[in-house]
Structures are given as C-alpha cells and as structure tokens.
Amino acid sequence: MSIDTSTGHKDMDYREHTRTYAGFLLMTKVLIISVAAILIGMGIFLVH
C-alpha cells in the first residue's frame, strides 16, 4: 500500500503511524488464528 504523505500535516509521524497499523493488523491475524485453533481444539477434545 502506498500513500502520498507529502501533503500531510508537518507534525504527523507517518512512519510511526504506518508501523503501528501494520502491528495492529499482524496482531489481529494472530488473534483470529489463535481463536480458531482454540475452537477447533475444543471441538475435537470436548465433543468426543
């Protein structure tokens, strides 16, 4: 994803904003996969 930040506010730290957003997306993916694994494990070990 490429965003032109040259016309943005001079006090905005766009590099840090982009890094934080990328970290948020990564942790969201990890959380979704973890919850799916827990639910699959519950389905396997608690139902049988």
C-alpha atoms as a PDB file:
ATOM      1  CA  MET A   1       0.000   0.000   0.000  1.00  0.00           C
ATOM      2  CA  SER A   2       1.440   3.335  -0.983  1.00  0.00           C
ATOM      3  CA  ILE A   3       0.161   6.599   0.456  1.00  0.00           C
ATOM      4  CA  ASP A   4       1.435  10.026  -0.510  1.00  0.00           C
ATOM      5  CA  THR A   5       2.238  11.735   2.792  1.00  0.00           C
ATOM      6  CA  SER A   6       3.933  14.768   1.281  1.00  0.00           C
ATOM      7  CA  THR A   7       0.788  16.884   1.635  1.00  0.00           C
ATOM      8  CA  GLY A   8       0.079  15.779   5.208  1.00  0.00           C
ATOM      9  CA  HIS A   9       0.437  17.728   8.404  1.00  0.00           C
ATOM     10  CA  LYS A  10       4.040  18.518   9.320  1.00  0.00           C
ATOM     11  CA  ASP A  11       3.652  17.274  12.909  1.00  0.00           C
ATOM     12  CA  MET A  12       2.227  13.888  11.904  1.00  0.00           C
ATOM     13  CA  ASP A  13       4.683  10.996  12.248  1.00  0.00           C
ATOM     14  CA  TYR A  14       3.504   8.940   9.287  1.00  0.00           C
ATOM     15  CA  ARG A  15       6.254   6.345   9.622  1.00  0.00           C
ATOM     16  CA  GLU A  16       5.210   5.551  13.195  1.00  0.00           C
ATOM     17  CA  HIS A  17       1.540   5.549  12.228  1.00  0.00           C
ATOM     18  CA  THR A  18       2.193   3.055   9.434  1.00  0.00           C
ATOM     19  CA  ARG A  19       4.295   0.863  11.741  1.00  0.00           C
ATOM     20  CA  THR A  20       1.585   0.863  14.418  1.00  0.00           C
ATOM     21  CA  TYR A  21      -1.123  -0.014  11.900  1.00  0.00           C
ATOM     22  CA  ALA A  22       0.967  -2.876  10.492  1.00  0.00           C
ATOM     23  CA  GLY A  23       1.444  -4.192  14.031  1.00  0.00           C
ATOM     24  CA  PHE A  24      -2.293  -3.931  14.672  1.00  0.00           C
ATOM     25  CA  LEU A  25      -3.052  -5.930  11.533  1.00  0.00           C
ATOM     26  CA  LEU A  26      -0.483  -8.579  12.448  1.00  0.00           C
ATOM     27  CA  MET A  27      -1.837  -8.990  15.976  1.00  0.00           C
ATOM     28  CA  THR A  28      -5.411  -9.157  14.645  1.00  0.00           C
ATOM     29  CA  LYS A  29      -4.421 -12.008  12.323  1.00  0.00           C
ATOM     30  CA  VAL A  30      -2.621 -13.819  15.158  1.00  0.00           C
ATOM     31  CA  LEU A  31      -5.643 -13.429  17.438  1.00  0.00           C
ATOM     32  CA  ILE A  32      -8.066 -14.741  14.802  1.00  0.00           C
ATOM     33  CA  ILE A  33      -5.869 -17.768  14.111  1.00  0.00           C
ATOM     34  CA  SER A  34      -5.475 -18.428  17.855  1.00  0.00           C
ATOM     35  CA  VAL A  35      -9.220 -18.282  18.483  1.00  0.00           C
ATOM     36  CA  ALA A  36      -9.839 -20.598  15.523  1.00  0.00           C
ATOM     37  CA  ALA A  37      -7.262 -23.078  16.870  1.00  0.00           C
ATOM     38  CA  ILE A  38      -8.857 -22.990  20.341  1.00  0.00           C
ATOM     39  CA  LEU A  39     -12.321 -23.583  18.886  1.00  0.00           C
ATOM     40  CA  ILE A  40     -11.059 -26.460  16.739  1.00  0.00           C
ATOM     41  CA  GLY A  41      -9.323 -27.949  19.777  1.00  0.00           C
ATOM     42  CA  MET A  42     -12.493 -27.622  21.828  1.00  0.00           C
ATOM     43  CA  GLY A  43     -14.448 -29.292  19.049  1.00  0.00           C
ATOM     44  CA  ILE A  44     -12.025 -32.198  18.921  1.00  0.00           C
ATOM     45  CA  PHE A  45     -11.329 -32.760  22.614  1.00  0.00           C
ATOM     46  CA  LEU A  46     -14.559 -31.726  24.310  1.00  0.00           C
ATOM     47  CA  VAL A  47     -17.161 -33.164  21.939  1.00  0.00           C
ATOM     48  CA  HIS A  48     -15.821 -36.683  21.598  1.00  0.00           C
END
